[in-house]
Amino acid sequence: MRLKQVREENCKTQKEIAEYLNVKQNTYSQYETGVRQLPIDVLIKLAKYYNVSTDYILELED
């Protein structure tokens, strides 16, 4: 997944995104590293936030 890449391209911290998602920073960190599975509703929310497709975040398209 491109979670970290997209976040860094938008100059955001894990803490900022975690607050937006209403989760703890540690939980968001686990999404980025793949330790925790990313829920579909969170994926959709992030795609809307970054104005990209879910496929882009999932690395199914460029």
PDB file of N, CA and C in Angstrom:
ATOM      1  N   MET A   1       0.824  -1.189   0.000  1.00  0.00           N
ATOM      2  CA  MET A   1       0.000   0.000   0.000  1.00  0.00           C
ATOM      3  C   MET A   1       0.865   1.248   0.000  1.00  0.00           C
ATOM      4  N   ARG A   2       0.279   2.307  -0.490  1.00  0.00           N
ATOM      5  CA  ARG A   2       0.989   3.577  -0.585  1.00  0.00           C
ATOM      6  C   ARG A   2       0.621   4.547   0.529  1.00  0.00           C
ATOM      7  N   LEU A   3       0.189   4.076   1.653  1.00  0.00           N
ATOM      8  CA  LEU A   3      -0.247   4.989   2.714  1.00  0.00           C
ATOM      9  C   LEU A   3       0.845   5.968   3.120  1.00  0.00           C
ATOM     10  N   LYS A   4       2.016   5.461   3.375  1.00  0.00           N
ATOM     11  CA  LYS A   4       3.112   6.333   3.810  1.00  0.00           C
ATOM     12  C   LYS A   4       3.498   7.309   2.698  1.00  0.00           C
ATOM     13  N   GLN A   5       3.615   6.804   1.483  1.00  0.00           N
ATOM     14  CA  GLN A   5       4.003   7.641   0.345  1.00  0.00           C
ATOM     15  C   GLN A   5       3.014   8.788   0.151  1.00  0.00           C
ATOM     16  N   VAL A   6       1.731   8.480   0.142  1.00  0.00           N
ATOM     17  CA  VAL A   6       0.715   9.511  -0.075  1.00  0.00           C
ATOM     18  C   VAL A   6       0.713  10.512   1.076  1.00  0.00           C
ATOM     19  N   ARG A   7       0.864  10.018   2.282  1.00  0.00           N
ATOM     20  CA  ARG A   7       0.895  10.908   3.450  1.00  0.00           C
ATOM     21  C   ARG A   7       2.069  11.868   3.361  1.00  0.00           C
ATOM     22  N   GLU A   8       3.249  11.344   3.039  1.00  0.00           N
ATOM     23  CA  GLU A   8       4.441  12.192   2.959  1.00  0.00           C
ATOM     24  C   GLU A   8       4.362  13.175   1.792  1.00  0.00           C
ATOM     25  N   GLU A   9       3.786  12.755   0.673  1.00  0.00           N
ATOM     26  CA  GLU A   9       3.621  13.657  -0.467  1.00  0.00           C
ATOM     27  C   GLU A   9       2.722  14.844  -0.117  1.00  0.00           C
ATOM     28  N   ASN A  10       1.841  14.641   0.853  1.00  0.00           N
ATOM     29  CA  ASN A  10       0.927  15.694   1.288  1.00  0.00           C
ATOM     30  C   ASN A  10       1.414  16.403   2.551  1.00  0.00           C
ATOM     31  N   CYS A  11       2.672  16.137   2.920  1.00  0.00           N
ATOM     32  CA  CYS A  11       3.308  16.791   4.076  1.00  0.00           C
ATOM     33  C   CYS A  11       2.485  16.664   5.350  1.00  0.00           C
ATOM     34  N   LYS A  12       1.987  15.473   5.596  1.00  0.00           N
ATOM     35  CA  LYS A  12       1.198  15.200   6.801  1.00  0.00           C
ATOM     36  C   LYS A  12       1.958  14.238   7.701  1.00  0.00           C
ATOM     37  N   THR A  13       1.699  14.335   8.992  1.00  0.00           N
ATOM     38  CA  THR A  13       2.302  13.415   9.952  1.00  0.00           C
ATOM     39  C   THR A  13       1.313  12.282  10.238  1.00  0.00           C
ATOM     40  N   GLN A  14       1.837  11.213  10.795  1.00  0.00           N
ATOM     41  CA  GLN A  14       0.957  10.122  11.207  1.00  0.00           C
ATOM     42  C   GLN A  14      -0.059  10.614  12.222  1.00  0.00           C
ATOM     43  N   LYS A  15       0.376  11.482  13.111  1.00  0.00           N
ATOM     44  CA  LYS A  15      -0.517  12.009  14.146  1.00  0.00           C
ATOM     45  C   LYS A  15      -1.680  12.784  13.529  1.00  0.00           C
ATOM     46  N   GLU A  16      -1.382  13.615  12.525  1.00  0.00           N
ATOM     47  CA  GLU A  16      -2.438  14.394  11.868  1.00  0.00           C
ATOM     48  C   GLU A  16      -3.470  13.484  11.204  1.00  0.00           C
ATOM     49  N   ILE A  17      -2.998  12.456  10.522  1.00  0.00           N
ATOM     50  CA  ILE A  17      -3.916  11.547   9.834  1.00  0.00           C
ATOM     51  C   ILE A  17      -4.687  10.708  10.838  1.00  0.00           C
ATOM     52  N   ALA A  18      -4.022  10.282  11.885  1.00  0.00           N
ATOM     53  CA  ALA A  18      -4.705   9.517  12.934  1.00  0.00           C
ATOM     54  C   ALA A  18      -5.828  10.346  13.559  1.00  0.00           C
ATOM     55  N   GLU A  19      -5.574  11.612  13.805  1.00  0.00           N
ATOM     56  CA  GLU A  19      -6.603  12.491  14.364  1.00  0.00           C
ATOM     57  C   GLU A  19      -7.772  12.640  13.392  1.00  0.00           C
ATOM     58  N   TYR A  20      -7.468  12.794  12.106  1.00  0.00           N
ATOM     59  CA  TYR A  20      -8.512  12.885  11.085  1.00  0.00           C
ATOM     60  C   TYR A  20      -9.378  11.620  11.073  1.00  0.00           C
ATOM     61  N   LEU A  21      -8.736  10.472  11.235  1.00  0.00           N
ATOM     62  CA  LEU A  21      -9.450   9.195  11.215  1.00  0.00           C
ATOM     63  C   LEU A  21     -10.073   8.842  12.564  1.00  0.00           C
ATOM     64  N   ASN A  22      -9.741   9.640  13.579  1.00  0.00           N
ATOM     65  CA  ASN A  22     -10.223   9.392  14.942  1.00  0.00           C
ATOM     66  C   ASN A  22      -9.729   8.042  15.479  1.00  0.00           C
ATOM     67  N   VAL A  23      -8.438   7.771  15.228  1.00  0.00           N
ATOM     68  CA  VAL A  23      -7.774   6.582  15.774  1.00  0.00           C
ATOM     69  C   VAL A  23      -6.482   7.037  16.447  1.00  0.00           C
ATOM     70  N   LYS A  24      -5.895   6.167  17.226  1.00  0.00           N
ATOM     71  CA  LYS A  24      -4.616   6.489  17.863  1.00  0.00           C
ATOM     72  C   LYS A  24      -3.505   6.457  16.812  1.00  0.00           C
ATOM     73  N   GLN A  25      -2.460   7.230  17.060  1.00  0.00           N
ATOM     74  CA  GLN A  25      -1.328   7.286  16.132  1.00  0.00           C
ATOM     75  C   GLN A  25      -0.733   5.898  15.937  1.00  0.00           C
ATOM     76  N   ASN A  26      -0.664   5.122  16.996  1.00  0.00           N
ATOM     77  CA  ASN A  26      -0.113   3.770  16.912  1.00  0.00           C
ATOM     78  C   ASN A  26      -0.944   2.890  15.967  1.00  0.00           C
ATOM     79  N   THR A  27      -2.242   3.039  16.018  1.00  0.00           N
ATOM     80  CA  THR A  27      -3.121   2.274  15.124  1.00  0.00           C
ATOM     81  C   THR A  27      -2.848   2.649  13.675  1.00  0.00           C
ATOM     82  N   TYR A  28      -2.742   3.956  13.416  1.00  0.00           N
ATOM     83  CA  TYR A  28      -2.467   4.379  12.041  1.00  0.00           C
ATOM     84  C   TYR A  28      -1.101   3.875  11.581  1.00  0.00           C
ATOM     85  N   SER A  29      -0.120   3.912  12.458  1.00  0.00           N
ATOM     86  CA  SER A  29       1.211   3.407  12.134  1.00  0.00           C
ATOM     87  C   SER A  29       1.138   1.931  11.727  1.00  0.00           C
ATOM     88  N   GLN A  30       0.313   1.183  12.416  1.00  0.00           N
ATOM     89  CA  GLN A  30       0.150  -0.232  12.089  1.00  0.00           C
ATOM     90  C   GLN A  30      -0.538  -0.430  10.740  1.00  0.00           C
ATOM     91  N   TYR A  31      -1.410   0.490  10.355  1.00  0.00           N
ATOM     92  CA  TYR A  31      -1.991   0.435   9.003  1.00  0.00           C
ATOM     93  C   TYR A  31      -0.881   0.612   7.964  1.00  0.00           C
ATOM     94  N   GLU A  32      -0.013   1.599   8.196  1.00  0.00           N
ATOM     95  CA  GLU A  32       1.063   1.882   7.236  1.00  0.00           C
ATOM     96  C   GLU A  32       2.040   0.720   7.100  1.00  0.00           C
ATOM     97  N   THR A  33       2.347   0.067   8.200  1.00  0.00           N
ATOM     98  CA  THR A  33       3.339  -1.011   8.164  1.00  0.00           C
ATOM     99  C   THR A  33       2.735  -2.375   7.817  1.00  0.00           C
ATOM    100  N   GLY A  34       1.414  -2.447   7.753  1.00  0.00           N
ATOM    101  CA  GLY A  34       0.760  -3.704   7.415  1.00  0.00           C
ATOM    102  C   GLY A  34       0.561  -4.638   8.584  1.00  0.00           C
ATOM    103  N   VAL A  35       0.863  -4.171   9.792  1.00  0.00           N
ATOM    104  CA  VAL A  35       0.650  -4.995  10.986  1.00  0.00           C
ATOM    105  C   VAL A  35      -0.849  -5.176  11.224  1.00  0.00           C
ATOM    106  N   ARG A  36      -1.592  -4.116  10.942  1.00  0.00           N
ATOM    107  CA  ARG A  36      -3.046  -4.138  11.116  1.00  0.00           C
ATOM    108  C   ARG A  36      -3.692  -3.934   9.756  1.00  0.00           C
ATOM    109  N   GLN A  37      -4.742  -4.696   9.497  1.00  0.00           N
ATOM    110  CA  GLN A  37      -5.450  -4.580   8.231  1.00  0.00           C
ATOM    111  C   GLN A  37      -6.231  -3.268   8.176  1.00  0.00           C
ATOM    112  N   LEU A  38      -6.168  -2.607   7.039  1.00  0.00           N
ATOM    113  CA  LEU A  38      -6.846  -1.333   6.841  1.00  0.00           C
ATOM    114  C   LEU A  38      -8.321  -1.593   6.540  1.00  0.00           C
ATOM    115  N   PRO A  39      -9.227  -1.114   7.406  1.00  0.00           N
ATOM    116  CA  PRO A  39     -10.654  -1.303   7.132  1.00  0.00           C
ATOM    117  C   PRO A  39     -11.076  -0.553   5.860  1.00  0.00           C
ATOM    118  N   ILE A  40     -12.048  -1.090   5.166  1.00  0.00           N
ATOM    119  CA  ILE A  40     -12.495  -0.505   3.908  1.00  0.00           C
ATOM    120  C   ILE A  40     -13.002   0.918   4.115  1.00  0.00           C
ATOM    121  N   ASP A  41     -13.726   1.173   5.197  1.00  0.00           N
ATOM    122  CA  ASP A  41     -14.244   2.525   5.412  1.00  0.00           C
ATOM    123  C   ASP A  41     -13.110   3.524   5.620  1.00  0.00           C
ATOM    124  N   VAL A  42     -12.030   3.096   6.238  1.00  0.00           N
ATOM    125  CA  VAL A  42     -10.863   3.962   6.430  1.00  0.00           C
ATOM    126  C   VAL A  42     -10.165   4.189   5.091  1.00  0.00           C
ATOM    127  N   LEU A  43     -10.048   3.150   4.291  1.00  0.00           N
ATOM    128  CA  LEU A  43      -9.464   3.272   2.955  1.00  0.00           C
ATOM    129  C   LEU A  43     -10.217   4.311   2.128  1.00  0.00           C
ATOM    130  N   ILE A  44     -11.530   4.237   2.141  1.00  0.00           N
ATOM    131  CA  ILE A  44     -12.353   5.180   1.380  1.00  0.00           C
ATOM    132  C   ILE A  44     -12.188   6.598   1.912  1.00  0.00           C
ATOM    133  N   LYS A  45     -12.169   6.735   3.220  1.00  0.00           N
ATOM    134  CA  LYS A  45     -11.998   8.057   3.828  1.00  0.00           C
ATOM    135  C   LYS A  45     -10.653   8.669   3.447  1.00  0.00           C
ATOM    136  N   LEU A  46      -9.596   7.863   3.443  1.00  0.00           N
ATOM    137  CA  LEU A  46      -8.268   8.353   3.065  1.00  0.00           C
ATOM    138  C   LEU A  46      -8.207   8.718   1.586  1.00  0.00           C
ATOM    139  N   ALA A  47      -8.843   7.921   0.741  1.00  0.00           N
ATOM    140  CA  ALA A  47      -8.858   8.222  -0.691  1.00  0.00           C
ATOM    141  C   ALA A  47      -9.539   9.559  -0.947  1.00  0.00           C
ATOM    142  N   LYS A  48     -10.631   9.813  -0.271  1.00  0.00           N
ATOM    143  CA  LYS A  48     -11.327  11.099  -0.406  1.00  0.00           C
ATOM    144  C   LYS A  48     -10.472  12.238   0.138  1.00  0.00           C
ATOM    145  N   TYR A  49      -9.829  12.010   1.266  1.00  0.00           N
ATOM    146  CA  TYR A  49      -9.000  13.037   1.896  1.00  0.00           C
ATOM    147  C   TYR A  49      -7.857  13.465   0.979  1.00  0.00           C
ATOM    148  N   TYR A  50      -7.194  12.479   0.378  1.00  0.00           N
ATOM    149  CA  TYR A  50      -6.050  12.757  -0.489  1.00  0.00           C
ATOM    150  C   TYR A  50      -6.452  13.012  -1.940  1.00  0.00           C
ATOM    151  N   ASN A  51      -7.736  12.843  -2.240  1.00  0.00           N
ATOM    152  CA  ASN A  51      -8.244  13.028  -3.595  1.00  0.00           C
ATOM    153  C   ASN A  51      -7.558  12.093  -4.598  1.00  0.00           C
ATOM    154  N   VAL A  52      -7.464  10.837  -4.207  1.00  0.00           N
ATOM    155  CA  VAL A  52      -6.920   9.785  -5.074  1.00  0.00           C
ATOM    156  C   VAL A  52      -7.893   8.608  -5.029  1.00  0.00           C
ATOM    157  N   SER A  53      -7.693   7.649  -5.908  1.00  0.00           N
ATOM    158  CA  SER A  53      -8.565   6.472  -5.908  1.00  0.00           C
ATOM    159  C   SER A  53      -8.087   5.456  -4.870  1.00  0.00           C
ATOM    160  N   THR A  54      -9.013   4.611  -4.466  1.00  0.00           N
ATOM    161  CA  THR A  54      -8.636   3.527  -3.555  1.00  0.00           C
ATOM    162  C   THR A  54      -7.638   2.603  -4.252  1.00  0.00           C
ATOM    163  N   ASP A  55      -7.808   2.412  -5.554  1.00  0.00           N
ATOM    164  CA  ASP A  55      -6.860   1.587  -6.319  1.00  0.00           C
ATOM    165  C   ASP A  55      -5.457   2.144  -6.254  1.00  0.00           C
ATOM    166  N   TYR A  56      -5.327   3.460  -6.269  1.00  0.00           N
ATOM    167  CA  TYR A  56      -4.003   4.086  -6.182  1.00  0.00           C
ATOM    168  C   TYR A  56      -3.364   3.771  -4.830  1.00  0.00           C
ATOM    169  N   ILE A  57      -4.134   3.921  -3.769  1.00  0.00           N
ATOM    170  CA  ILE A  57      -3.595   3.622  -2.426  1.00  0.00           C
ATOM    171  C   ILE A  57      -3.194   2.148  -2.336  1.00  0.00           C
ATOM    172  N   LEU A  58      -3.980   1.278  -2.943  1.00  0.00           N
ATOM    173  CA  LEU A  58      -3.710  -0.158  -2.894  1.00  0.00           C
ATOM    174  C   LEU A  58      -2.671  -0.609  -3.912  1.00  0.00           C
ATOM    175  N   GLU A  59      -2.118   0.352  -4.666  1.00  0.00           N
ATOM    176  CA  GLU A  59      -1.102   0.093  -5.690  1.00  0.00           C
ATOM    177  C   GLU A  59      -1.608  -0.774  -6.834  1.00  0.00           C
ATOM    178  N   LEU A  60      -2.897  -0.624  -7.157  1.00  0.00           N
ATOM    179  CA  LEU A  60      -3.460  -1.341  -8.293  1.00  0.00           C
ATOM    180  C   LEU A  60      -3.397  -0.508  -9.560  1.00  0.00           C
ATOM    181  N   GLU A  61      -3.087   0.785  -9.407  1.00  0.00           N
ATOM    182  CA  GLU A  61      -2.898   1.688 -10.554  1.00  0.00           C
ATOM    183  C   GLU A  61      -1.883   2.734 -10.176  1.00  0.00           C
ATOM    184  N   ASP A  62      -1.341   3.406 -11.198  1.00  0.00           N
ATOM    185  CA  ASP A  62      -0.348   4.439 -10.978  1.00  0.00           C
ATOM    186  C   ASP A  62      -0.935   5.824 -11.014  1.00  0.00           C
TER     187      ASP A  62
END
